PDB file of N, CA and C in Angstrom:
ATOM      1  N   MET A   1     -46.492  74.510 176.536  1.00  0.00           N
ATOM      2  CA  MET A   1     -45.123  74.043 176.402  1.00  0.00           C
ATOM      3  C   MET A   1     -44.675  74.297 174.961  1.00  0.00           C
ATOM      4  N   TYR A   2     -43.444  74.772 174.817  1.00  0.00           N
ATOM      5  CA  TYR A   2     -42.871  75.044 173.503  1.00  0.00           C
ATOM      6  C   TYR A   2     -41.702  74.096 173.271  1.00  0.00           C
ATOM      7  N   GLN A   3     -41.530  73.676 172.012  1.00  0.00           N
ATOM      8  CA  GLN A   3     -40.422  72.799 171.669  1.00  0.00           C
ATOM      9  C   GLN A   3     -39.625  73.392 170.524  1.00  0.00           C
ATOM     10  N   PHE A   4     -38.299  73.237 170.622  1.00  0.00           N
ATOM     11  CA  PHE A   4     -37.400  73.674 169.558  1.00  0.00           C
ATOM     12  C   PHE A   4     -36.172  72.787 169.599  1.00  0.00           C
ATOM     13  N   LYS A   5     -35.842  72.177 168.471  1.00  0.00           N
ATOM     14  CA  LYS A   5     -34.658  71.321 168.340  1.00  0.00           C
ATOM     15  C   LYS A   5     -34.608  70.237 169.431  1.00  0.00           C
ATOM     16  N   GLY A   6     -35.765  69.660 169.731  1.00  0.00           N
ATOM     17  CA  GLY A   6     -35.831  68.565 170.701  1.00  0.00           C
ATOM     18  C   GLY A   6     -35.828  68.984 172.161  1.00  0.00           C
ATOM     19  N   LYS A   7     -35.785  70.277 172.435  1.00  0.00           N
ATOM     20  CA  LYS A   7     -35.815  70.757 173.820  1.00  0.00           C
ATOM     21  C   LYS A   7     -37.176  71.374 174.109  1.00  0.00           C
ATOM     22  N   GLU A   8     -37.633  71.225 175.338  1.00  0.00           N
ATOM     23  CA  GLU A   8     -38.908  71.797 175.744  1.00  0.00           C
ATOM     24  C   GLU A   8     -38.686  73.036 176.604  1.00  0.00           C
ATOM     25  N   TYR A   9     -39.539  74.026 176.394  1.00  0.00           N
ATOM     26  CA  TYR A   9     -39.470  75.287 177.127  1.00  0.00           C
ATOM     27  C   TYR A   9     -40.848  75.604 177.691  1.00  0.00           C
ATOM     28  N   PRO A  10     -40.907  76.090 178.934  1.00  0.00           N
ATOM     29  CA  PRO A  10     -42.211  76.361 179.552  1.00  0.00           C
ATOM     30  C   PRO A  10     -42.950  77.560 178.957  1.00  0.00           C
ATOM     31  N   CYS A  11     -42.238  78.489 178.342  1.00  0.00           N
ATOM     32  CA  CYS A  11     -42.893  79.641 177.731  1.00  0.00           C
ATOM     33  C   CYS A  11     -42.043  80.163 176.574  1.00  0.00           C
ATOM     34  N   CYS A  12     -42.622  81.073 175.799  1.00  0.00           N
ATOM     35  CA  CYS A  12     -41.932  81.574 174.609  1.00  0.00           C
ATOM     36  C   CYS A  12     -40.680  82.373 174.967  1.00  0.00           C
ATOM     37  N   THR A  13     -40.684  83.089 176.095  1.00  0.00           N
ATOM     38  CA  THR A  13     -39.484  83.844 176.460  1.00  0.00           C
ATOM     39  C   THR A  13     -38.344  82.916 176.867  1.00  0.00           C
ATOM     40  N   SER A  14     -38.668  81.810 177.507  1.00  0.00           N
ATOM     41  CA  SER A  14     -37.598  80.874 177.867  1.00  0.00           C
ATOM     42  C   SER A  14     -37.011  80.220 176.627  1.00  0.00           C
ATOM     43  N   LEU A  15     -37.824  80.018 175.599  1.00  0.00           N
ATOM     44  CA  LEU A  15     -37.307  79.493 174.337  1.00  0.00           C
ATOM     45  C   LEU A  15     -36.333  80.497 173.724  1.00  0.00           C
ATOM     46  N   THR A  16     -36.740  81.755 173.662  1.00  0.00           N
ATOM     47  CA  THR A  16     -35.863  82.793 173.105  1.00  0.00           C
ATOM     48  C   THR A  16     -34.551  82.858 173.874  1.00  0.00           C
ATOM     49  N   MET A  17     -34.629  82.892 175.194  1.00  0.00           N
ATOM     50  CA  MET A  17     -33.409  82.977 175.995  1.00  0.00           C
ATOM     51  C   MET A  17     -32.593  81.692 175.905  1.00  0.00           C
ATOM     52  N   GLY A  18     -33.246  80.582 175.681  1.00  0.00           N
ATOM     53  CA  GLY A  18     -32.516  79.333 175.476  1.00  0.00           C
ATOM     54  C   GLY A  18     -31.661  79.371 174.218  1.00  0.00           C
ATOM     55  N   ILE A  19     -32.130  80.119 173.221  1.00  0.00           N
ATOM     56  CA  ILE A  19     -31.392  80.218 171.968  1.00  0.00           C
ATOM     57  C   ILE A  19     -30.333  81.315 172.017  1.00  0.00           C
ATOM     58  N   ILE A  20     -30.670  82.490 172.548  1.00  0.00           N
ATOM     59  CA  ILE A  20     -29.720  83.615 172.505  1.00  0.00           C
ATOM     60  C   ILE A  20     -29.199  84.027 173.874  1.00  0.00           C
ATOM     61  N   GLY A  21     -29.614  83.326 174.926  1.00  0.00           N
ATOM     62  CA  GLY A  21     -29.194  83.692 176.271  1.00  0.00           C
ATOM     63  C   GLY A  21     -27.746  83.342 176.542  1.00  0.00           C
ATOM     64  N   GLY A  22     -27.273  83.804 177.661  1.00  0.00           N
ATOM     65  CA  GLY A  22     -25.880  83.585 178.031  1.00  0.00           C
ATOM     66  C   GLY A  22     -25.074  84.843 177.804  1.00  0.00           C
ATOM     67  N   LYS A  23     -23.851  84.802 178.204  1.00  0.00           N
ATOM     68  CA  LYS A  23     -23.002  85.991 178.174  1.00  0.00           C
ATOM     69  C   LYS A  23     -22.554  86.381 176.772  1.00  0.00           C
ATOM     70  N   TRP A  24     -22.358  85.421 175.877  1.00  0.00           N
ATOM     71  CA  TRP A  24     -21.681  85.732 174.612  1.00  0.00           C
ATOM     72  C   TRP A  24     -22.526  85.646 173.354  1.00  0.00           C
ATOM     73  N   LYS A  25     -23.629  84.919 173.373  1.00  0.00           N
ATOM     74  CA  LYS A  25     -24.387  84.726 172.141  1.00  0.00           C
ATOM     75  C   LYS A  25     -24.897  86.046 171.567  1.00  0.00           C
ATOM     76  N   THR A  26     -25.489  86.890 172.398  1.00  0.00           N
ATOM     77  CA  THR A  26     -25.990  88.164 171.870  1.00  0.00           C
ATOM     78  C   THR A  26     -24.848  89.066 171.424  1.00  0.00           C
ATOM     79  N   VAL A  27     -23.699  88.954 172.069  1.00  0.00           N
ATOM     80  CA  VAL A  27     -22.536  89.739 171.658  1.00  0.00           C
ATOM     81  C   VAL A  27     -22.086  89.299 170.264  1.00  0.00           C
ATOM     82  N   ILE A  28     -22.042  88.001 170.046  1.00  0.00           N
ATOM     83  CA  ILE A  28     -21.687  87.472 168.726  1.00  0.00           C
ATOM     84  C   ILE A  28     -22.688  87.976 167.686  1.00  0.00           C
ATOM     85  N   LEU A  29     -23.967  87.861 167.985  1.00  0.00           N
ATOM     86  CA  LEU A  29     -25.002  88.308 167.051  1.00  0.00           C
ATOM     87  C   LEU A  29     -24.888  89.798 166.767  1.00  0.00           C
ATOM     88  N   PHE A  30     -24.609  90.583 167.793  1.00  0.00           N
ATOM     89  CA  PHE A  30     -24.461  92.030 167.624  1.00  0.00           C
ATOM     90  C   PHE A  30     -23.350  92.342 166.621  1.00  0.00           C
ATOM     91  N   HIS A  31     -22.239  91.651 166.726  1.00  0.00           N
ATOM     92  CA  HIS A  31     -21.115  91.903 165.821  1.00  0.00           C
ATOM     93  C   HIS A  31     -21.365  91.393 164.398  1.00  0.00           C
ATOM     94  N   LEU A  32     -22.281  90.452 164.257  1.00  0.00           N
ATOM     95  CA  LEU A  32     -22.586  89.927 162.924  1.00  0.00           C
ATOM     96  C   LEU A  32     -23.725  90.674 162.232  1.00  0.00           C
ATOM     97  N   ILE A  33     -24.346  91.629 162.908  1.00  0.00           N
ATOM     98  CA  ILE A  33     -25.454  92.383 162.311  1.00  0.00           C
ATOM     99  C   ILE A  33     -25.024  93.065 161.017  1.00  0.00           C
ATOM    100  N   ASP A  34     -23.837  93.639 161.007  1.00  0.00           N
ATOM    101  CA  ASP A  34     -23.389  94.395 159.835  1.00  0.00           C
ATOM    102  C   ASP A  34     -22.788  93.528 158.734  1.00  0.00           C
ATOM    103  N   GLY A  35     -22.676  92.243 158.956  1.00  0.00           N
ATOM    104  CA  GLY A  35     -22.169  91.379 157.895  1.00  0.00           C
ATOM    105  C   GLY A  35     -21.263  90.275 158.388  1.00  0.00           C
ATOM    106  N   THR A  36     -20.665  89.604 157.450  1.00  0.00           N
ATOM    107  CA  THR A  36     -19.812  88.449 157.697  1.00  0.00           C
ATOM    108  C   THR A  36     -18.506  88.853 158.374  1.00  0.00           C
ATOM    109  N   LEU A  37     -18.095  88.044 159.342  1.00  0.00           N
ATOM    110  CA  LEU A  37     -16.799  88.244 160.007  1.00  0.00           C
ATOM    111  C   LEU A  37     -16.059  86.918 160.059  1.00  0.00           C
ATOM    112  N   ARG A  38     -14.753  86.995 159.893  1.00  0.00           N
ATOM    113  CA  ARG A  38     -13.924  85.814 160.077  1.00  0.00           C
ATOM    114  C   ARG A  38     -13.756  85.570 161.571  1.00  0.00           C
ATOM    115  N   TYR A  39     -13.358  84.351 161.903  1.00  0.00           N
ATOM    116  CA  TYR A  39     -13.200  83.961 163.298  1.00  0.00           C
ATOM    117  C   TYR A  39     -12.290  84.936 164.047  1.00  0.00           C
ATOM    118  N   ASN A  40     -11.138  85.256 163.468  1.00  0.00           N
ATOM    119  CA  ASN A  40     -10.187  86.149 164.138  1.00  0.00           C
ATOM    120  C   ASN A  40     -10.739  87.570 164.297  1.00  0.00           C
ATOM    121  N   GLU A  41     -11.565  88.009 163.357  1.00  0.00           N
ATOM    122  CA  GLU A  41     -12.196  89.322 163.486  1.00  0.00           C
ATOM    123  C   GLU A  41     -13.170  89.331 164.667  1.00  0.00           C
ATOM    124  N   LEU A  42     -13.904  88.244 164.831  1.00  0.00           N
ATOM    125  CA  LEU A  42     -14.791  88.131 165.998  1.00  0.00           C
ATOM    126  C   LEU A  42     -13.982  88.140 167.290  1.00  0.00           C
ATOM    127  N   ARG A  43     -12.885  87.408 167.311  1.00  0.00           N
ATOM    128  CA  ARG A  43     -12.009  87.364 168.507  1.00  0.00           C
ATOM    129  C   ARG A  43     -11.522  88.764 168.870  1.00  0.00           C
ATOM    130  N   LYS A  44     -11.160  89.567 167.878  1.00  0.00           N
ATOM    131  CA  LYS A  44     -10.684  90.929 168.143  1.00  0.00           C
ATOM    132  C   LYS A  44     -11.793  91.805 168.706  1.00  0.00           C
ATOM    133  N   GLU A  45     -13.034  91.576 168.273  1.00  0.00           N
ATOM    134  CA  GLU A  45     -14.168  92.347 168.784  1.00  0.00           C
ATOM    135  C   GLU A  45     -14.526  91.946 170.210  1.00  0.00           C
ATOM    136  N   MET A  46     -14.127  90.742 170.610  1.00  0.00           N
ATOM    137  CA  MET A  46     -14.485  90.188 171.908  1.00  0.00           C
ATOM    138  C   MET A  46     -13.233  89.679 172.616  1.00  0.00           C
ATOM    139  N   PRO A  47     -12.322  90.577 172.987  1.00  0.00           N
ATOM    140  CA  PRO A  47     -11.028  90.121 173.505  1.00  0.00           C
ATOM    141  C   PRO A  47     -11.084  89.345 174.821  1.00  0.00           C
ATOM    142  N   SER A  48     -12.152  89.498 175.601  1.00  0.00           N
ATOM    143  CA  SER A  48     -12.178  88.810 176.896  1.00  0.00           C
ATOM    144  C   SER A  48     -12.794  87.410 176.828  1.00  0.00           C
ATOM    145  N   VAL A  49     -13.329  87.008 175.676  1.00  0.00           N
ATOM    146  CA  VAL A  49     -13.872  85.659 175.558  1.00  0.00           C
ATOM    147  C   VAL A  49     -12.723  84.687 175.262  1.00  0.00           C
ATOM    148  N   THR A  50     -12.820  83.503 175.845  1.00  0.00           N
ATOM    149  CA  THR A  50     -11.798  82.499 175.565  1.00  0.00           C
ATOM    150  C   THR A  50     -12.088  81.850 174.214  1.00  0.00           C
ATOM    151  N   GLU A  51     -11.063  81.297 173.592  1.00  0.00           N
ATOM    152  CA  GLU A  51     -11.250  80.638 172.300  1.00  0.00           C
ATOM    153  C   GLU A  51     -12.227  79.478 172.409  1.00  0.00           C
ATOM    154  N   ARG A  52     -12.114  78.726 173.479  1.00  0.00           N
ATOM    155  CA  ARG A  52     -13.013  77.578 173.685  1.00  0.00           C
ATOM    156  C   ARG A  52     -14.459  78.035 173.782  1.00  0.00           C
ATOM    157  N   THR A  53     -14.702  79.065 174.581  1.00  0.00           N
ATOM    158  CA  THR A  53     -16.067  79.567 174.750  1.00  0.00           C
ATOM    159  C   THR A  53     -16.614  80.105 173.441  1.00  0.00           C
ATOM    160  N   LEU A  54     -15.817  80.891 172.724  1.00  0.00           N
ATOM    161  CA  LEU A  54     -16.260  81.435 171.451  1.00  0.00           C
ATOM    162  C   LEU A  54     -16.589  80.303 170.480  1.00  0.00           C
ATOM    163  N   SER A  55     -15.733  79.317 170.389  1.00  0.00           N
ATOM    164  CA  SER A  55     -15.970  78.185 169.494  1.00  0.00           C
ATOM    165  C   SER A  55     -17.254  77.443 169.850  1.00  0.00           C
ATOM    166  N   LEU A  56     -17.475  77.213 171.146  1.00  0.00           N
ATOM    167  CA  LEU A  56     -18.685  76.501 171.583  1.00  0.00           C
ATOM    168  C   LEU A  56     -19.940  77.313 171.293  1.00  0.00           C
ATOM    169  N   GLN A  57     -19.893  78.611 171.545  1.00  0.00           N
ATOM    170  CA  GLN A  57     -21.059  79.464 171.300  1.00  0.00           C
ATOM    171  C   GLN A  57     -21.366  79.552 169.805  1.00  0.00           C
ATOM    172  N   LEU A  58     -20.333  79.665 168.986  1.00  0.00           N
ATOM    173  CA  LEU A  58     -20.527  79.688 167.538  1.00  0.00           C
ATOM    174  C   LEU A  58     -21.143  78.378 167.060  1.00  0.00           C
ATOM    175  N   LYS A  59     -20.659  77.266 167.595  1.00  0.00           N
ATOM    176  CA  LYS A  59     -21.180  75.957 167.210  1.00  0.00           C
ATOM    177  C   LYS A  59     -22.655  75.823 167.591  1.00  0.00           C
ATOM    178  N   THR A  60     -23.009  76.269 168.780  1.00  0.00           N
ATOM    179  CA  THR A  60     -24.403  76.203 169.231  1.00  0.00           C
ATOM    180  C   THR A  60     -25.302  77.075 168.365  1.00  0.00           C
ATOM    181  N   LEU A  61     -24.859  78.299 168.076  1.00  0.00           N
ATOM    182  CA  LEU A  61     -25.647  79.189 167.219  1.00  0.00           C
ATOM    183  C   LEU A  61     -25.812  78.604 165.813  1.00  0.00           C
ATOM    184  N   GLU A  62     -24.780  77.936 165.337  1.00  0.00           N
ATOM    185  CA  GLU A  62     -24.854  77.300 164.027  1.00  0.00           C
ATOM    186  C   GLU A  62     -25.848  76.127 164.058  1.00  0.00           C
ATOM    187  N   GLU A  63     -25.772  75.306 165.106  1.00  0.00           N
ATOM    188  CA  GLU A  63     -26.682  74.165 165.239  1.00  0.00           C
ATOM    189  C   GLU A  63     -28.141  74.619 165.324  1.00  0.00           C
ATOM    190  N   ASP A  64     -28.373  75.773 165.927  1.00  0.00           N
ATOM    191  CA  ASP A  64     -29.735  76.303 166.060  1.00  0.00           C
ATOM    192  C   ASP A  64     -30.197  77.043 164.803  1.00  0.00           C
ATOM    193  N   GLY A  65     -29.330  77.132 163.803  1.00  0.00           N
ATOM    194  CA  GLY A  65     -29.708  77.761 162.544  1.00  0.00           C
ATOM    195  C   GLY A  65     -29.687  79.278 162.567  1.00  0.00           C
ATOM    196  N   ILE A  66     -29.001  79.858 163.556  1.00  0.00           N
ATOM    197  CA  ILE A  66     -28.939  81.316 163.707  1.00  0.00           C
ATOM    198  C   ILE A  66     -27.807  81.910 162.873  1.00  0.00           C
ATOM    199  N   ILE A  67     -26.679  81.218 162.833  1.00  0.00           N
ATOM    200  CA  ILE A  67     -25.547  81.681 162.026  1.00  0.00           C
ATOM    201  C   ILE A  67     -25.124  80.571 161.072  1.00  0.00           C
ATOM    202  N   LYS A  68     -24.412  80.965 160.034  1.00  0.00           N
ATOM    203  CA  LYS A  68     -23.833  79.968 159.132  1.00  0.00           C
ATOM    204  C   LYS A  68     -22.328  80.139 159.117  1.00  0.00           C
ATOM    205  N   ARG A  69     -21.673  79.031 158.944  1.00  0.00           N
ATOM    206  CA  ARG A  69     -20.208  78.971 158.939  1.00  0.00           C
ATOM    207  C   ARG A  69     -19.763  78.572 157.545  1.00  0.00           C
ATOM    208  N   LYS A  70     -18.869  79.346 156.978  1.00  0.00           N
ATOM    209  CA  LYS A  70     -18.347  79.020 155.649  1.00  0.00           C
ATOM    210  C   LYS A  70     -16.842  78.858 155.753  1.00  0.00           C
ATOM    211  N   VAL A  71     -16.353  77.735 155.243  1.00  0.00           N
ATOM    212  CA  VAL A  71     -14.928  77.437 155.263  1.00  0.00           C
ATOM    213  C   VAL A  71     -14.388  77.622 153.844  1.00  0.00           C
ATOM    214  N   TYR A  72     -13.356  78.431 153.728  1.00  0.00           N
ATOM    215  CA  TYR A  72     -12.691  78.657 152.450  1.00  0.00           C
ATOM    216  C   TYR A  72     -11.418  77.827 152.439  1.00  0.00           C
ATOM    217  N   THR A  73     -11.349  76.875 151.524  1.00  0.00           N
ATOM    218  CA  THR A  73     -10.197  75.958 151.491  1.00  0.00           C
ATOM    219  C   THR A  73      -9.412  76.057 150.195  1.00  0.00           C
ATOM    220  N   SER A  74      -9.706  77.059 149.383  1.00  0.00           N
ATOM    221  CA  SER A  74      -9.046  77.129 148.073  1.00  0.00           C
ATOM    222  C   SER A  74      -7.535  77.283 148.169  1.00  0.00           C
ATOM    223  N   LYS A  75      -7.071  77.993 149.169  1.00  0.00           N
ATOM    224  CA  LYS A  75      -5.629  78.117 149.365  1.00  0.00           C
ATOM    225  C   LYS A  75      -5.337  78.312 150.848  1.00  0.00           C
ATOM    226  N   PRO A  76      -4.228  77.792 151.327  1.00  0.00           N
ATOM    227  CA  PRO A  76      -3.870  77.968 152.739  1.00  0.00           C
ATOM    228  C   PRO A  76      -3.564  79.432 153.031  1.00  0.00           C
ATOM    229  N   PRO A  77      -3.715  79.906 154.229  1.00  0.00           N
ATOM    230  CA  PRO A  77      -4.280  79.200 155.385  1.00  0.00           C
ATOM    231  C   PRO A  77      -5.804  79.104 155.301  1.00  0.00           C
ATOM    232  N   LEU A  78      -6.343  78.147 156.025  1.00  0.00           N
ATOM    233  CA  LEU A  78      -7.775  77.926 156.091  1.00  0.00           C
ATOM    234  C   LEU A  78      -8.466  79.182 156.616  1.00  0.00           C
ATOM    235  N   LYS A  79      -9.547  79.571 155.982  1.00  0.00           N
ATOM    236  CA  LYS A  79     -10.283  80.766 156.392  1.00  0.00           C
ATOM    237  C   LYS A  79     -11.712  80.360 156.714  1.00  0.00           C
ATOM    238  N   VAL A  80     -12.209  80.774 157.898  1.00  0.00           N
ATOM    239  CA  VAL A  80     -13.570  80.467 158.317  1.00  0.00           C
ATOM    240  C   VAL A  80     -14.290  81.785 158.562  1.00  0.00           C
ATOM    241  N   ALA A  81     -15.492  81.903 157.988  1.00  0.00           N
ATOM    242  CA  ALA A  81     -16.269  83.136 158.139  1.00  0.00           C
ATOM    243  C   ALA A  81     -17.662  82.799 158.661  1.00  0.00           C
ATOM    244  N   TYR A  82     -18.214  83.713 159.449  1.00  0.00           N
ATOM    245  CA  TYR A  82     -19.531  83.530 160.047  1.00  0.00           C
ATOM    246  C   TYR A  82     -20.443  84.672 159.638  1.00  0.00           C
ATOM    247  N   SER A  83     -21.712  84.329 159.428  1.00  0.00           N
ATOM    248  CA  SER A  83     -22.707  85.345 159.108  1.00  0.00           C
ATOM    249  C   SER A  83     -24.064  84.875 159.628  1.00  0.00           C
ATOM    250  N   LEU A  84     -24.998  85.814 159.706  1.00  0.00           N
ATOM    251  CA  LEU A  84     -26.348  85.474 160.135  1.00  0.00           C
ATOM    252  C   LEU A  84     -27.090  84.768 159.009  1.00  0.00           C
ATOM    253  N   THR A  85     -27.874  83.767 159.357  1.00  0.00           N
ATOM    254  CA  THR A  85     -28.780  83.150 158.398  1.00  0.00           C
ATOM    255  C   THR A  85     -30.002  84.049 158.277  1.00  0.00           C
ATOM    256  N   ASP A  86     -30.891  83.742 157.353  1.00  0.00           N
ATOM    257  CA  ASP A  86     -32.141  84.500 157.263  1.00  0.00           C
ATOM    258  C   ASP A  86     -32.915  84.395 158.578  1.00  0.00           C
ATOM    259  N   PHE A  87     -32.926  83.208 159.167  1.00  0.00           N
ATOM    260  CA  PHE A  87     -33.563  83.003 160.470  1.00  0.00           C
ATOM    261  C   PHE A  87     -32.879  83.852 161.531  1.00  0.00           C
ATOM    262  N   GLY A  88     -31.556  83.883 161.519  1.00  0.00           N
ATOM    263  CA  GLY A  88     -30.794  84.694 162.472  1.00  0.00           C
ATOM    264  C   GLY A  88     -31.068  86.179 162.318  1.00  0.00           C
ATOM    265  N   LYS A  89     -31.297  86.628 161.089  1.00  0.00           N
ATOM    266  CA  LYS A  89     -31.581  88.047 160.844  1.00  0.00           C
ATOM    267  C   LYS A  89     -32.885  88.493 161.485  1.00  0.00           C
ATOM    268  N   THR A  90     -33.785  87.559 161.769  1.00  0.00           N
ATOM    269  CA  THR A  90     -35.026  87.930 162.463  1.00  0.00           C
ATOM    270  C   THR A  90     -34.750  88.379 163.890  1.00  0.00           C
ATOM    271  N   LEU A  91     -33.558  88.072 164.406  1.00  0.00           N
ATOM    272  CA  LEU A  91     -33.172  88.488 165.759  1.00  0.00           C
ATOM    273  C   LEU A  91     -32.580  89.894 165.810  1.00  0.00           C
ATOM    274  N   ILE A  92     -32.300  90.496 164.663  1.00  0.00           N
ATOM    275  CA  ILE A  92     -31.651  91.815 164.643  1.00  0.00           C
ATOM    276  C   ILE A  92     -32.424  92.850 165.464  1.00  0.00           C
ATOM    277  N   PRO A  93     -33.744  92.990 165.314  1.00  0.00           N
ATOM    278  CA  PRO A  93     -34.447  93.993 166.132  1.00  0.00           C
ATOM    279  C   PRO A  93     -34.325  93.728 167.634  1.00  0.00           C
ATOM    280  N   ILE A  94     -34.320  92.460 168.008  1.00  0.00           N
ATOM    281  CA  ILE A  94     -34.199  92.105 169.428  1.00  0.00           C
ATOM    282  C   ILE A  94     -32.812  92.471 169.949  1.00  0.00           C
ATOM    283  N   VAL A  95     -31.783  92.097 169.196  1.00  0.00           N
ATOM    284  CA  VAL A  95     -30.407  92.380 169.613  1.00  0.00           C
ATOM    285  C   VAL A  95     -30.164  93.891 169.673  1.00  0.00           C
ATOM    286  N   LYS A  96     -30.693  94.626 168.691  1.00  0.00           N
ATOM    287  CA  LYS A  96     -30.548  96.090 168.703  1.00  0.00           C
ATOM    288  C   LYS A  96     -31.267  96.694 169.892  1.00  0.00           C
ATOM    289  N   SER A  97     -32.435  96.167 170.248  1.00  0.00           N
ATOM    290  CA  SER A  97     -33.158  96.657 171.429  1.00  0.00           C
ATOM    291  C   SER A  97     -32.371  96.402 172.708  1.00  0.00           C
ATOM    292  N   ILE A  98     -31.765  95.242 172.796  1.00  0.00           N
ATOM    293  CA  ILE A  98     -30.932  94.921 173.966  1.00  0.00           C
ATOM    294  C   ILE A  98     -29.756  95.894 174.041  1.00  0.00           C
ATOM    295  N   ALA A  99     -29.108  96.156 172.904  1.00  0.00           N
ATOM    296  CA  ALA A  99     -27.972  97.089 172.867  1.00  0.00           C
ATOM    297  C   ALA A  99     -28.425  98.506 173.227  1.00  0.00           C
ATOM    298  N   ASP A 100     -29.560  98.943 172.672  1.00  0.00           N
ATOM    299  CA  ASP A 100     -30.079 100.283 172.977  1.00  0.00           C
ATOM    300  C   ASP A 100     -30.399 100.428 174.457  1.00  0.00           C
ATOM    301  N   TRP A 101     -30.954  99.383 175.055  1.00  0.00           N
ATOM    302  CA  TRP A 101     -31.266  99.418 176.480  1.00  0.00           C
ATOM    303  C   TRP A 101     -29.976  99.564 177.297  1.00  0.00           C
ATOM    304  N   GLY A 102     -28.923  98.863 176.892  1.00  0.00           N
ATOM    305  CA  GLY A 102     -27.635  98.977 177.578  1.00  0.00           C
ATOM    306  C   GLY A 102     -27.077 100.389 177.490  1.00  0.00           C
ATOM    307  N   VAL A 103     -27.216 101.024 176.320  1.00  0.00           N
ATOM    308  CA  VAL A 103     -26.773 102.416 176.158  1.00  0.00           C
ATOM    309  C   VAL A 103     -27.577 103.330 177.074  1.00  0.00           C
ATOM    310  N   MET A 104     -28.895 103.114 177.148  1.00  0.00           N
ATOM    311  CA  MET A 104     -29.743 103.921 178.017  1.00  0.00           C
ATOM    312  C   MET A 104     -29.316 103.791 179.481  1.00  0.00           C
ATOM    313  N   VAL A 105     -29.000 102.585 179.916  1.00  0.00           N
ATOM    314  CA  VAL A 105     -28.556 102.376 181.288  1.00  0.00           C
ATOM    315  C   VAL A 105     -27.301 103.186 181.571  1.00  0.00           C
ATOM    316  N   VAL A 106     -26.347 103.142 180.641  1.00  0.00           N
ATOM    317  CA  VAL A 106     -25.096 103.876 180.813  1.00  0.00           C
ATOM    318  C   VAL A 106     -25.353 105.382 180.850  1.00  0.00           C
ATOM    319  N   GLU A 107     -26.215 105.882 179.964  1.00  0.00           N
ATOM    320  CA  GLU A 107     -26.444 107.315 179.860  1.00  0.00           C
ATOM    321  C   GLU A 107     -27.347 107.876 180.957  1.00  0.00           C
ATOM    322  N   GLU A 108     -28.368 107.114 181.368  1.00  0.00           N
ATOM    323  CA  GLU A 108     -29.360 107.658 182.283  1.00  0.00           C
ATOM    324  C   GLU A 108     -29.248 107.165 183.713  1.00  0.00           C
ATOM    325  N   LYS A 109     -28.643 106.065 183.920  1.00  0.00           N
ATOM    326  CA  LYS A 109     -28.621 105.462 185.259  1.00  0.00           C
ATOM    327  C   LYS A 109     -27.228 105.455 185.878  1.00  0.00           C
ATOM    328  N   GLU A 110     -26.443 106.420 185.520  1.00  0.00           N
ATOM    329  CA  GLU A 110     -25.103 106.591 186.082  1.00  0.00           C
ATOM    330  C   GLU A 110     -24.170 105.427 185.813  1.00  0.00           C
ATOM    331  N   GLY A 111     -24.372 104.791 184.690  1.00  0.00           N
ATOM    332  CA  GLY A 111     -23.438 103.754 184.277  1.00  0.00           C
ATOM    333  C   GLY A 111     -22.150 104.401 183.807  1.00  0.00           C
ATOM    334  N   MET A 112     -21.206 103.624 183.449  1.00  0.00           N
ATOM    335  CA  MET A 112     -19.930 104.176 183.023  1.00  0.00           C
ATOM    336  C   MET A 112     -19.422 103.402 181.821  1.00  0.00           C
ATOM    337  N   VAL A 113     -19.035 104.110 180.787  1.00  0.00           N
ATOM    338  CA  VAL A 113     -18.443 103.474 179.626  1.00  0.00           C
ATOM    339  C   VAL A 113     -16.967 103.281 179.898  1.00  0.00           C
ATOM    340  N   VAL A 114     -16.494 102.060 179.715  1.00  0.00           N
ATOM    341  CA  VAL A 114     -15.087 101.757 179.986  1.00  0.00           C
ATOM    342  C   VAL A 114     -14.328 101.768 178.690  1.00  0.00           C
TER     343      VAL A 114
END
């Protein structure tokens, strides 16, 4: 049995998927690989995600220590930026492998790029 942040997981893969699983978490991580993005920049990269879902996923990733949120309040309007933590950066090879596998599916298995 594995434990992380008070939750128990039956195996190491379920722990990993518990942290980065779901429709949007890996997409968020993929877009943050190259650096910090503001909230609106993330929204533009992911036009089909709802604001509520994006906010909840960002909050969960932040609580798990995968991303960090920085609020700039020096002058209006309020600016919020997200980036990977050092812990989150350990996921880069995994996220890149997932993305590469998706490209392979499209190229070799008659997938279609939209």
